[in-house]
Amino acid sequence: MDVFAPYAGTLLLPDKAPFGRESPVTLADGRPVATIRWHNWSMRARYEILDPAAGAVLAAGHREGFGGRNYYLIDARQQMLFHLRLSFWGPNRTSTLRLASGRALTTRGNWTSRRFTVTDERNRPVAQLVNNSRILSLRPDGLAFELQAPVLSIVQAVGLAQSMRAAIEARRSSSAAAGG
């Protein structure tokens, strides 16, 4: 399976790593398609997406800039796969996901609750992330990323979910440091 090709289907991802630094990503039928490796003590919220069989790095993501609003995913050749610019305002947050091709997608929803949609330029649904703890018993700690149209690749979808996770952790850390 080409994890860099546009994909339609469901991915099961971890909401958090239960133990250690690595977590699997599978298709809905349980077949592994990637592994996520977190660099837990990184100030830039770094993570890598690995080939599940060979362990080779497929892509790496990180936060850049002040305020934790910009996230990037690059492949092993150092080519950008996306730039995510998060909005922190409003109950139904809208953010921009710019793909390497220049195409701009919109994410909308409550990403702190791990519930958001991705739409294209014409507001057509591309994908949605839902907390599957009540839906699927196979991975009660995880998320289901439903790629409804072949726009994002598996690697981009995994990177988007992990960038959102990093943003949530950054917000929690800054709230705790501020005393609330």
Protein backbone atom coordinates (compact mmCIF):
# COMPACT_ATOMS: atom_id res chain seq x y z
CA MET A 1 0.00 0.00 0.00
CA ASP A 2 1.35 3.41 -0.99
CA VAL A 3 0.96 5.55 2.14
CA PHE A 4 1.79 8.71 0.16
CA ALA A 5 -1.05 8.27 -2.39
CA PRO A 6 -4.47 9.87 -1.88
CA TYR A 7 -6.54 7.49 0.24
CA ALA A 8 -10.21 6.97 1.13
CA GLY A 9 -11.08 4.75 4.08
CA THR A 10 -10.83 4.69 7.87
CA LEU A 11 -7.65 4.88 9.91
CA LEU A 12 -7.52 4.00 13.60
CA LEU A 13 -5.04 6.14 15.49
CA PRO A 14 -3.97 6.46 19.10
CA ASP A 15 -5.37 9.30 21.14
CA LYS A 16 -2.31 8.97 23.34
CA ALA A 17 0.54 6.52 23.65
CA PRO A 18 -0.41 4.11 26.46
CA PHE A 19 3.19 3.10 27.20
CA GLY A 20 6.46 4.19 25.68
CA ARG A 21 6.97 6.48 22.73
CA GLU A 22 5.46 4.52 19.85
CA SER A 23 1.88 3.78 18.84
CA PRO A 24 0.42 1.87 15.88
CA VAL A 25 -1.87 3.21 13.16
CA THR A 26 -4.10 0.63 11.49
CA LEU A 27 -6.78 0.36 8.87
CA ALA A 28 -10.28 -0.38 10.16
CA ASP A 29 -9.63 -4.12 9.62
CA GLY A 30 -6.57 -4.02 11.90
CA ARG A 31 -3.83 -4.06 9.25
CA PRO A 32 -0.93 -1.83 10.33
CA VAL A 33 -0.07 1.06 7.99
CA ALA A 34 2.22 3.19 10.16
CA THR A 35 3.75 3.67 13.57
CA ILE A 36 3.95 7.01 15.35
CA ARG A 37 7.07 7.80 17.37
CA TRP A 38 6.88 10.77 19.74
CA HIS A 39 9.81 12.79 21.01
CA ASN A 40 8.20 13.47 24.38
CA TRP A 41 10.66 16.04 25.69
CA SER A 42 10.85 18.14 22.54
CA MET A 43 9.97 21.84 22.74
CA ARG A 44 8.86 21.67 19.08
CA ALA A 45 6.33 18.83 19.56
CA ARG A 46 8.27 16.53 17.26
CA TYR A 47 6.99 13.17 16.05
CA GLU A 48 7.83 10.74 13.28
CA ILE A 49 5.66 8.50 11.15
CA LEU A 50 7.39 5.19 10.56
CA ASP A 51 6.93 2.27 8.20
CA PRO A 52 5.39 -0.40 10.48
CA ALA A 53 7.46 -3.25 9.04
CA ALA A 54 10.87 -1.71 8.34
CA GLY A 55 10.84 1.07 10.92
CA ALA A 56 12.09 3.58 8.34
CA VAL A 57 11.03 7.20 8.81
CA LEU A 58 8.33 8.10 6.28
CA ALA A 59 7.71 11.65 7.53
CA ALA A 60 8.36 13.91 10.51
CA GLY A 61 6.19 16.59 12.04
CA HIS A 62 6.93 19.54 14.28
CA ARG A 63 5.63 22.82 15.65
CA GLU A 64 7.26 26.07 14.57
CA GLY A 65 7.01 29.65 15.69
CA PHE A 66 5.51 31.48 18.62
CA GLY A 67 2.22 30.42 20.15
CA GLY A 68 2.07 26.83 18.89
CA ARG A 69 -0.14 27.65 15.91
CA ASN A 70 2.00 26.41 13.00
CA TYR A 71 2.68 22.73 12.37
CA TYR A 72 4.59 21.19 9.50
CA LEU A 73 4.93 17.67 8.12
CA ILE A 74 7.94 16.84 5.93
CA ASP A 75 8.87 13.59 4.22
CA ALA A 76 12.19 11.73 4.45
CA ARG A 77 13.55 13.80 1.50
CA GLN A 78 12.79 17.00 3.48
CA GLN A 79 9.88 17.94 1.19
CA MET A 80 6.92 19.63 2.87
CA LEU A 81 3.73 17.54 2.91
CA PHE A 82 1.61 20.16 4.69
CA HIS A 83 1.51 23.31 6.78
CA LEU A 84 -1.28 23.53 9.35
CA ARG A 85 -2.13 26.92 10.80
CA LEU A 86 -4.42 26.59 13.79
CA SER A 87 -6.96 29.08 15.02
CA PHE A 88 -7.40 29.15 18.80
CA TRP A 89 -10.53 31.31 18.83
CA GLY A 90 -14.19 30.38 18.96
CA PRO A 91 -16.09 27.21 19.84
CA ASN A 92 -16.08 25.97 16.24
CA ARG A 93 -12.42 26.60 15.38
CA THR A 94 -11.51 26.95 11.72
CA SER A 95 -7.93 26.31 10.67
CA THR A 96 -6.10 26.10 7.34
CA LEU A 97 -4.27 23.03 6.06
CA ARG A 98 -2.06 23.89 3.08
CA LEU A 99 -0.84 20.85 1.14
CA ALA A 100 2.47 20.71 -0.74
CA SER A 101 0.56 21.19 -4.00
CA GLY A 102 -0.64 24.57 -2.72
CA ARG A 103 -4.17 23.30 -2.23
CA ALA A 104 -5.81 24.76 0.88
CA LEU A 105 -8.22 22.69 2.95
CA THR A 106 -10.18 23.84 5.98
CA THR A 107 -10.43 22.08 9.32
CA ARG A 108 -13.45 22.97 11.40
CA GLY A 109 -14.66 21.78 14.76
CA ASN A 110 -13.61 21.29 18.32
CA TRP A 111 -10.15 19.80 17.95
CA THR A 112 -9.60 19.75 21.72
CA SER A 113 -12.41 17.18 21.84
CA ARG A 114 -10.81 15.37 18.89
CA ARG A 115 -13.83 16.03 16.70
CA PHE A 116 -13.27 17.98 13.52
CA THR A 117 -13.93 17.87 9.80
CA VAL A 118 -11.74 18.68 6.82
CA THR A 119 -13.37 20.27 3.79
CA ASP A 120 -12.10 21.30 0.37
CA GLU A 121 -12.31 24.67 -1.38
CA ARG A 122 -15.99 24.12 -2.22
CA ASN A 123 -16.82 23.11 1.36
CA ARG A 124 -17.19 19.44 0.38
CA PRO A 125 -16.24 16.92 3.11
CA VAL A 126 -12.80 15.37 2.73
CA ALA A 127 -12.33 13.76 6.15
CA GLN A 128 -13.49 13.73 9.73
CA LEU A 129 -11.82 12.77 12.96
CA VAL A 130 -13.95 11.30 15.72
CA ASN A 131 -13.20 9.88 19.12
CA ASN A 132 -14.02 6.19 18.62
CA SER A 133 -13.97 5.11 22.25
CA ARG A 134 -17.74 4.60 22.09
CA ILE A 135 -17.85 3.43 18.47
CA LEU A 136 -15.20 0.75 18.09
CA SER A 137 -14.08 -1.59 20.85
CA LEU A 138 -10.90 -2.66 19.00
CA ARG A 139 -9.02 0.48 20.08
CA PRO A 140 -10.92 2.07 22.98
CA ASP A 141 -8.09 4.58 23.51
CA GLY A 142 -8.14 5.84 19.97
CA LEU A 143 -9.50 7.93 17.21
CA ALA A 144 -11.10 7.06 13.90
CA PHE A 145 -10.02 9.24 11.00
CA GLU A 146 -12.54 8.74 8.22
CA LEU A 147 -11.06 9.84 4.89
CA GLN A 148 -14.19 10.33 2.81
CA ALA A 149 -12.53 11.47 -0.42
CA PRO A 150 -9.09 10.58 -1.80
CA VAL A 151 -7.49 13.97 -1.10
CA LEU A 152 -5.13 13.29 1.82
CA SER A 153 -2.63 10.46 1.93
CA ILE A 154 -2.38 8.12 4.91
CA VAL A 155 0.83 9.90 5.98
CA GLN A 156 -0.82 13.33 5.74
CA ALA A 157 -3.88 12.15 7.69
CA VAL A 158 -1.71 10.66 10.44
CA GLY A 159 0.37 13.85 10.53
CA LEU A 160 -2.74 16.04 10.76
CA ALA A 161 -4.14 14.03 13.68
CA GLN A 162 -0.78 14.10 15.48
CA SER A 163 -0.32 17.83 14.89
CA MET A 164 -3.74 18.41 16.46
CA ARG A 165 -2.70 16.20 19.37
CA ALA A 166 0.49 18.24 19.80
CA ALA A 167 -1.52 21.48 19.78
CA ILE A 168 -3.83 20.13 22.48
CA GLU A 169 -0.86 19.16 24.64
CA ALA A 170 0.71 22.60 24.13
CA ARG A 171 -2.53 24.32 25.18
CA ARG A 172 -2.80 22.13 28.29
CA SER A 173 0.83 22.83 29.23
CA SER A 174 0.44 26.57 28.80
CA SER A 175 -2.83 26.57 30.81
CA ALA A 176 -1.19 24.59 33.61
CA ALA A 177 1.81 26.94 33.65
CA ALA A 178 -0.54 29.92 33.82
CA GLY A 179 -2.31 28.40 36.79
CA GLY A 180 -5.56 27.44 35.18
